[in-house]
Amino acid sequence: MADDIGKLRAQIDALDDELLALLQRRAAAARKIGALKDGAHAYRPEREAEILRRVSGNTGILPAEQITAVFREVISACRSLEEAIRVAYLGPEGTFSEQAARRHFGRAVEALPAVSVDEAFRRCESDAAQFAVVPVENSTEGAVGRTLDLLLATPLRICGEIELRVQQNLLSKGESVKAIKRVYSHSQSLAQCNDWLAQHLPLAERIPVASNAEAAQRAGREAGAAAIAGEVAAERYGVPVLARSIEDEPNNTTRFLVLGKLDPEPTGRDRTSLVMSAENKPGAVHALLTPLAEHRVSMTRIESRPSRARGSLWEYMFFIDLEGHQKDAAVARALAALRDKAPFLKVLGSYPAAL
């Protein structure tokens, strides 16, 4: 048996040497591409999506998710040879937003924590960062209103999306759940764990804070306190996990947007986001949606938000996601028809659909 293991290890060493040589060749090719781009963005969402979809479709021993994770880091490392990329995200360190940013861009970027969604937008708008990653909706609790409000006015465009399976955990330095008097977390995370808290901590005070990472920091400092947060925050701030997966919905997922100043080309599996207003009269919203049906464009999401315009009490803006790219013929025809009907319409971006 020892001889067999030794032979297999020697085979793995040889394969590692081959992999290393191939990685160096890939990096050299990426560097040459960077020189030919002459200052153009190194991050091309459509190209990266094409690569990841291709490699994840190859069946083998390793599952697609692990293959994709490996290639994301390869792409990230090679991309960094072309351009140093800064990505703003809703901080502090240890949030699900940071986890989403790292998952999408890999480790070879400079991740910049922002104190609020507003600040993440501002950093990208001012070129302090080339991109921003912000939460937009959760499968349990719905839309993140502040992100939608900021999308209405920002010059930034949506150039990517991330769907992150969110596992909520109870963190505390206390020895048991019974000793917990206060639970800190972001308001969305508290809501995502409402049933669990009602059953296991019915008398504990629920205190919303700016982020789950801040909650973990407070739980680490205060006796009788706990936080609801992810494992990354638990590890980063040294607060043990008392209970795992306490979210009420087993498939609890948060969708994040990648914002920037570029417009990805079509990939064949894209999404287009837009916001529009409707006249304040019966049937106005139905009339606006009719062009989508006429041109056979699928709508995957619609969300209404109160209009912030002066004198617009009880008027709403409608945020809509469509299947397809705005350069696709059917989507382009539908958008042209919508522009003729809507008092206001803004295309927020067309981008590769999340893997």
Protein backbone atom coordinates (compact mmCIF):
# COMPACT_ATOMS: atom_id res chain seq x y z
CA MET A 1 0.00 0.00 0.00
CA ALA A 2 2.81 2.42 0.89
CA ASP A 3 4.39 1.86 -2.53
CA ASP A 4 1.09 2.53 -4.28
CA ILE A 5 0.55 5.75 -2.32
CA GLY A 6 4.11 6.83 -3.10
CA LYS A 7 3.57 6.28 -6.82
CA LEU A 8 0.31 8.23 -6.79
CA ARG A 9 1.94 11.10 -4.90
CA ALA A 10 4.74 11.19 -7.45
CA GLN A 11 2.08 11.33 -10.17
CA ILE A 12 0.37 14.23 -8.37
CA ASP A 13 3.71 16.07 -8.09
CA ALA A 14 4.25 15.69 -11.83
CA LEU A 15 0.72 16.92 -12.56
CA ASP A 16 1.26 19.89 -10.24
CA ASP A 17 4.38 20.80 -12.20
CA GLU A 18 2.37 20.64 -15.43
CA LEU A 19 -0.41 22.77 -13.91
CA LEU A 20 2.12 25.34 -12.74
CA ALA A 21 3.70 25.56 -16.19
CA LEU A 22 0.27 26.00 -17.78
CA LEU A 23 -0.68 28.69 -15.28
CA GLN A 24 2.49 30.61 -16.07
CA ARG A 25 1.73 30.34 -19.80
CA ARG A 26 -1.82 31.60 -19.17
CA ALA A 27 -0.50 34.52 -17.11
CA ALA A 28 1.94 35.44 -19.89
CA ALA A 29 -0.90 35.46 -22.43
CA ALA A 30 -3.05 37.60 -20.12
CA ARG A 31 -0.22 40.11 -19.72
CA LYS A 32 0.13 40.39 -23.52
CA ILE A 33 -3.62 40.97 -23.83
CA GLY A 34 -3.36 43.72 -21.24
CA ALA A 35 -0.68 45.46 -23.29
CA LEU A 36 -2.82 45.23 -26.44
CA LYS A 37 -5.89 46.66 -24.70
CA ASP A 38 -4.11 50.00 -24.34
CA GLY A 39 -5.83 51.15 -21.13
CA ALA A 40 -9.19 49.40 -21.59
CA HIS A 41 -10.75 47.67 -18.58
CA ALA A 42 -9.19 44.34 -17.65
CA TYR A 43 -12.47 43.16 -16.17
CA ARG A 44 -14.80 42.02 -18.94
CA PRO A 45 -17.87 40.39 -17.37
CA GLU A 46 -19.03 38.77 -20.60
CA ARG A 47 -15.64 37.13 -21.24
CA GLU A 48 -15.31 35.84 -17.68
CA ALA A 49 -18.86 34.48 -17.77
CA GLU A 50 -18.07 32.69 -21.03
CA ILE A 51 -14.99 31.02 -19.50
CA LEU A 52 -16.74 29.98 -16.30
CA ARG A 53 -19.77 28.58 -18.09
CA ARG A 54 -17.54 26.58 -20.41
CA VAL A 55 -15.39 25.00 -17.71
CA SER A 56 -18.30 24.36 -15.33
CA GLY A 57 -20.07 22.44 -18.07
CA ASN A 58 -17.30 19.83 -18.29
CA THR A 59 -18.32 16.82 -16.22
CA GLY A 60 -15.75 14.94 -14.18
CA ILE A 61 -14.75 14.01 -10.65
CA LEU A 62 -14.76 17.59 -9.32
CA PRO A 63 -18.24 19.19 -9.09
CA ALA A 64 -18.98 22.28 -11.19
CA GLU A 65 -19.06 24.59 -8.15
CA GLN A 66 -15.50 23.68 -7.16
CA ILE A 67 -14.23 23.93 -10.72
CA THR A 68 -15.78 27.38 -11.00
CA ALA A 69 -14.19 28.50 -7.71
CA VAL A 70 -10.73 27.41 -8.89
CA PHE A 71 -11.05 29.15 -12.24
CA ARG A 72 -12.38 32.34 -10.64
CA GLU A 73 -9.10 32.61 -8.73
CA VAL A 74 -7.06 31.83 -11.84
CA ILE A 75 -8.91 34.57 -13.72
CA SER A 76 -8.48 36.95 -10.78
CA ALA A 77 -4.72 36.38 -10.59
CA CYS A 78 -4.25 36.82 -14.34
CA ARG A 79 -6.53 39.86 -14.42
CA SER A 80 -4.36 41.54 -11.80
CA LEU A 81 -1.43 41.42 -14.23
CA GLU A 82 -3.40 43.66 -16.58
CA GLU A 83 -4.83 46.14 -14.05
CA ALA A 84 -4.99 46.73 -10.30
CA ILE A 85 -8.69 46.61 -9.48
CA ARG A 86 -10.41 48.16 -6.46
CA VAL A 87 -13.87 47.00 -5.43
CA ALA A 88 -16.02 48.84 -2.87
CA TYR A 89 -18.50 46.81 -0.84
CA LEU A 90 -20.83 47.25 2.12
CA GLY A 91 -18.48 46.70 5.04
CA PRO A 92 -16.90 46.29 7.45
CA GLU A 93 -14.77 43.22 6.77
CA GLY A 94 -16.61 39.96 7.32
CA THR A 95 -19.97 40.92 5.78
CA PHE A 96 -21.85 38.86 3.22
CA SER A 97 -21.16 41.73 0.80
CA GLU A 98 -17.43 41.12 1.14
CA GLN A 99 -18.03 37.41 0.64
CA ALA A 100 -19.97 38.17 -2.55
CA ALA A 101 -17.27 40.53 -3.82
CA ARG A 102 -14.53 37.94 -3.21
CA ARG A 103 -16.58 35.21 -4.82
CA HIS A 104 -17.12 37.27 -7.96
CA PHE A 105 -13.76 39.03 -8.35
CA GLY A 106 -11.45 36.56 -6.58
CA ARG A 107 -8.72 37.33 -4.08
CA ALA A 108 -6.46 39.35 -6.38
CA VAL A 109 -8.37 42.63 -6.05
CA GLU A 110 -8.26 45.36 -3.43
CA ALA A 111 -11.54 45.14 -1.53
CA LEU A 112 -12.57 48.45 0.07
CA PRO A 113 -15.16 48.27 2.87
CA ALA A 114 -17.71 51.10 2.90
CA VAL A 115 -19.76 52.15 5.91
CA SER A 116 -23.01 52.22 3.92
CA VAL A 117 -24.52 51.37 0.56
CA ASP A 118 -24.43 55.12 -0.20
CA GLU A 119 -20.68 55.21 0.43
CA ALA A 120 -20.08 52.17 -1.79
CA PHE A 121 -21.89 53.99 -4.61
CA ARG A 122 -19.92 57.21 -3.97
CA ARG A 123 -16.55 55.46 -4.04
CA CYS A 124 -17.31 54.00 -7.44
CA GLU A 125 -18.84 57.21 -8.80
CA SER A 126 -15.73 59.18 -7.75
CA ASP A 127 -13.31 56.58 -9.21
CA ALA A 128 -11.92 55.70 -5.77
CA ALA A 129 -12.95 52.19 -6.86
CA GLN A 130 -13.64 50.86 -10.34
CA PHE A 131 -16.52 48.70 -9.12
CA ALA A 132 -18.97 48.37 -6.24
CA VAL A 133 -20.80 45.32 -4.92
CA VAL A 134 -24.11 46.04 -3.16
CA PRO A 135 -27.07 43.88 -2.01
CA VAL A 136 -30.28 44.37 -3.96
CA GLU A 137 -32.69 41.65 -2.77
CA ASN A 138 -33.05 38.64 -0.51
CA SER A 139 -35.18 35.60 -1.29
CA THR A 140 -36.78 35.79 2.18
CA GLU A 141 -37.07 39.51 2.91
CA GLY A 142 -37.31 41.02 -0.56
CA ALA A 143 -35.73 44.18 -1.97
CA VAL A 144 -33.06 46.38 -0.38
CA GLY A 145 -34.85 49.69 -0.76
CA ARG A 146 -31.83 51.94 -0.40
CA THR A 147 -30.00 50.24 -3.26
CA LEU A 148 -33.02 50.69 -5.53
CA ASP A 149 -33.34 54.37 -4.61
CA LEU A 150 -29.67 55.02 -5.41
CA LEU A 151 -29.87 53.17 -8.73
CA LEU A 152 -32.45 55.69 -9.87
CA ALA A 153 -30.00 58.61 -9.85
CA THR A 154 -26.51 57.12 -10.19
CA PRO A 155 -24.53 57.28 -13.45
CA LEU A 156 -23.17 53.81 -12.62
CA ARG A 157 -24.42 50.84 -14.59
CA ILE A 158 -25.08 47.27 -13.53
CA CYS A 159 -22.40 45.09 -15.12
CA GLY A 160 -22.80 41.86 -13.14
CA GLU A 161 -24.75 40.02 -10.47
CA ILE A 162 -23.96 37.50 -7.73
CA GLU A 163 -26.35 35.09 -6.04
CA LEU A 164 -24.98 34.09 -2.63
CA ARG A 165 -26.50 31.34 -0.52
CA VAL A 166 -26.68 32.96 2.92
CA GLN A 167 -26.22 30.78 5.99
CA GLN A 168 -26.99 32.64 9.19
CA ASN A 169 -25.34 31.54 12.45
CA LEU A 170 -25.69 32.54 16.07
CA LEU A 171 -22.34 33.76 17.39
CA SER A 172 -21.47 34.34 21.04
CA LYS A 173 -18.66 33.94 23.55
CA GLY A 174 -21.20 32.69 26.05
CA GLU A 175 -21.36 29.00 26.87
CA SER A 176 -25.04 28.46 26.02
CA VAL A 177 -27.99 30.00 24.22
CA LYS A 178 -29.80 30.38 27.56
CA ALA A 179 -27.32 33.04 28.68
CA ILE A 180 -28.05 35.38 25.77
CA LYS A 181 -29.92 38.60 26.58
CA ARG A 182 -29.28 40.62 23.40
CA VAL A 183 -28.97 39.65 19.73
CA TYR A 184 -27.26 42.03 17.32
CA SER A 185 -27.52 41.83 13.53
CA HIS A 186 -28.50 43.69 10.40
CA SER A 187 -32.26 44.19 10.27
CA GLN A 188 -32.56 41.90 7.24
CA SER A 189 -30.72 39.08 9.01
CA LEU A 190 -32.89 39.45 12.11
CA ALA A 191 -35.95 39.13 9.89
CA GLN A 192 -34.50 36.10 8.11
CA CYS A 193 -34.21 34.32 11.47
CA ASN A 194 -37.46 35.50 13.02
CA ASP A 195 -38.99 32.05 13.62
CA TRP A 196 -35.79 30.61 15.11
CA LEU A 197 -35.39 33.56 17.47
CA ALA A 198 -39.03 33.35 18.55
CA GLN A 199 -38.60 29.68 19.40
CA HIS A 200 -35.15 29.69 21.03
CA LEU A 201 -34.66 33.28 22.29
CA PRO A 202 -38.16 34.69 22.80
CA LEU A 203 -37.09 37.10 25.57
CA ALA A 204 -33.81 38.30 24.05
CA GLU A 205 -33.70 41.89 22.81
CA ARG A 206 -33.18 42.14 19.05
CA ILE A 207 -30.95 45.07 18.18
CA PRO A 208 -30.43 46.05 14.50
CA VAL A 209 -26.98 47.39 13.56
CA ALA A 210 -25.37 48.54 10.31
CA SER A 211 -23.88 45.15 9.39
CA ASN A 212 -23.46 41.58 10.58
CA ALA A 213 -19.75 42.20 10.97
CA GLU A 214 -20.47 45.02 13.43
CA ALA A 215 -22.83 42.64 15.22
CA ALA A 216 -20.04 40.05 15.56
CA GLN A 217 -17.69 42.69 16.95
CA ARG A 218 -20.25 43.74 19.59
CA ALA A 219 -21.00 40.14 20.53
CA GLY A 220 -17.30 39.57 21.04
CA ARG A 221 -17.05 42.48 23.48
CA GLU A 222 -20.25 42.20 25.52
CA ALA A 223 -21.29 39.56 28.04
CA GLY A 224 -24.73 38.13 27.39
CA ALA A 225 -24.66 39.26 23.76
CA ALA A 226 -24.88 37.31 20.54
CA ALA A 227 -24.76 38.11 16.84
CA ILE A 228 -26.37 36.68 13.76
CA ALA A 229 -23.72 36.51 11.06
CA GLY A 230 -21.83 34.26 8.67
CA GLU A 231 -18.86 32.02 9.37
CA VAL A 232 -16.47 34.53 7.81
CA ALA A 233 -17.40 37.10 10.48
CA ALA A 234 -17.12 34.45 13.20
CA GLU A 235 -13.58 33.60 12.12
CA ARG A 236 -12.46 37.17 11.51
CA TYR A 237 -13.62 38.49 14.89
CA GLY A 238 -12.98 35.37 16.95
CA VAL A 239 -16.56 34.76 18.09
CA PRO A 240 -17.57 31.07 18.33
CA VAL A 241 -20.63 29.69 16.54
CA LEU A 242 -23.27 28.52 19.02
CA ALA A 243 -25.89 27.48 16.45
CA ARG A 244 -25.57 26.99 12.70
CA SER A 245 -28.03 27.58 9.85
CA ILE A 246 -30.68 29.36 11.91
CA GLU A 247 -32.28 31.07 8.89
CA ASP A 248 -35.98 30.30 8.53
CA GLU A 249 -35.77 29.44 4.80
CA PRO A 250 -33.38 26.62 3.86
CA ASN A 251 -32.54 28.21 0.48
CA ASN A 252 -32.04 31.73 1.82
CA THR A 253 -30.18 33.60 -0.94
CA THR A 254 -29.12 37.21 -1.37
CA ARG A 255 -28.61 38.77 -4.78
CA PHE A 256 -25.87 41.36 -5.18
CA LEU A 257 -25.20 43.77 -8.05
CA VAL A 258 -21.82 44.67 -9.52
CA LEU A 259 -21.80 48.36 -10.45
CA GLY A 260 -19.29 50.13 -12.67
CA LYS A 261 -18.82 52.30 -15.72
CA LEU A 262 -18.79 49.68 -18.44
CA ASP A 263 -21.41 47.94 -20.56
CA PRO A 264 -20.93 44.19 -21.08
CA GLU A 265 -21.61 42.69 -24.49
CA PRO A 266 -24.25 39.96 -24.94
CA THR A 267 -23.38 36.42 -23.84
CA GLY A 268 -26.57 34.55 -24.70
CA ARG A 269 -27.57 34.27 -21.02
CA ASP A 270 -28.10 37.83 -19.89
CA ARG A 271 -30.36 39.99 -17.80
CA THR A 272 -31.46 43.59 -18.35
CA SER A 273 -32.56 45.81 -15.47
CA LEU A 274 -34.56 49.00 -15.88
CA VAL A 275 -36.67 51.45 -13.92
CA MET A 276 -39.68 53.31 -15.23
CA SER A 277 -42.66 55.33 -14.09
CA ALA A 278 -46.32 54.96 -15.00
CA GLU A 279 -49.02 57.56 -15.41
CA ASN A 280 -51.30 57.85 -12.39
CA LYS A 281 -54.42 56.44 -14.05
CA PRO A 282 -56.26 53.08 -14.20
CA GLY A 283 -54.54 50.43 -16.33
CA ALA A 284 -51.32 52.40 -16.73
CA VAL A 285 -49.03 49.66 -15.37
CA HIS A 286 -50.76 46.98 -17.46
CA ALA A 287 -50.28 49.12 -20.54
CA LEU A 288 -46.58 49.52 -19.80
CA LEU A 289 -46.05 45.78 -19.50
CA THR A 290 -47.92 44.95 -22.70
CA PRO A 291 -44.85 45.48 -24.98
CA LEU A 292 -43.00 42.76 -23.08
CA ALA A 293 -45.71 40.23 -23.91
CA GLU A 294 -45.99 41.46 -27.50
CA HIS A 295 -42.28 40.97 -28.11
CA ARG A 296 -42.08 37.74 -26.08
CA VAL A 297 -39.63 39.09 -23.51
CA SER A 298 -39.77 37.39 -20.11
CA MET A 299 -39.95 39.55 -16.99
CA THR A 300 -38.24 37.90 -14.01
CA ARG A 301 -38.89 40.57 -11.40
CA ILE A 302 -40.90 43.73 -10.75
CA GLU A 303 -40.56 45.90 -7.65
CA SER A 304 -42.31 49.18 -6.88
CA ARG A 305 -40.82 52.06 -4.88
CA PRO A 306 -42.39 55.41 -3.98
CA SER A 307 -41.26 58.20 -6.26
CA ARG A 308 -38.91 60.67 -4.54
CA ALA A 309 -39.85 63.52 -6.86
CA ARG A 310 -41.41 66.60 -5.29
CA GLY A 311 -45.20 66.67 -5.54
CA SER A 312 -45.42 62.98 -6.49
CA LEU A 313 -47.32 61.64 -3.46
CA TRP A 314 -48.64 58.11 -4.10
CA GLU A 315 -46.72 57.83 -7.37
CA TYR A 316 -44.32 54.94 -7.86
CA MET A 317 -41.26 53.85 -9.80
CA PHE A 318 -41.15 50.28 -11.10
CA PHE A 319 -37.89 48.32 -11.11
CA ILE A 320 -37.99 45.49 -13.64
CA ASP A 321 -35.61 42.67 -14.61
CA LEU A 322 -35.89 41.11 -18.06
CA GLU A 323 -34.34 38.02 -19.58
CA GLY A 324 -31.96 38.96 -22.39
CA HIS A 325 -29.60 41.78 -23.35
CA GLN A 326 -30.72 45.22 -24.53
CA LYS A 327 -28.87 44.52 -27.79
CA ASP A 328 -30.95 41.38 -28.41
CA ALA A 329 -33.51 42.12 -31.12
CA ALA A 330 -36.62 41.24 -29.09
CA VAL A 331 -35.46 43.16 -25.99
CA ALA A 332 -34.48 46.18 -28.10
CA ARG A 333 -37.95 46.28 -29.71
CA ALA A 334 -39.65 45.95 -26.31
CA LEU A 335 -37.55 48.78 -24.84
CA ALA A 336 -38.34 51.03 -27.81
CA ALA A 337 -42.06 50.44 -27.25
CA LEU A 338 -41.72 51.06 -23.52
CA ARG A 339 -39.99 54.40 -24.16
CA ASP A 340 -43.00 55.51 -26.17
CA LYS A 341 -45.36 54.66 -23.30
CA ALA A 342 -43.46 55.43 -20.07
CA PRO A 343 -43.16 59.02 -18.79
CA PHE A 344 -39.70 58.05 -17.50
CA LEU A 345 -37.49 55.06 -18.35
CA LYS A 346 -33.87 54.32 -17.47
CA VAL A 347 -32.00 51.17 -18.46
CA LEU A 348 -29.81 50.31 -15.47
CA GLY A 349 -27.69 47.81 -17.38
CA SER A 350 -27.47 44.54 -19.31
CA TYR A 351 -25.14 41.93 -17.85
CA PRO A 352 -24.40 38.20 -17.67
CA ALA A 353 -26.90 36.28 -15.53
CA ALA A 354 -25.45 34.81 -12.33
CA LEU A 355 -23.86 31.37 -12.66
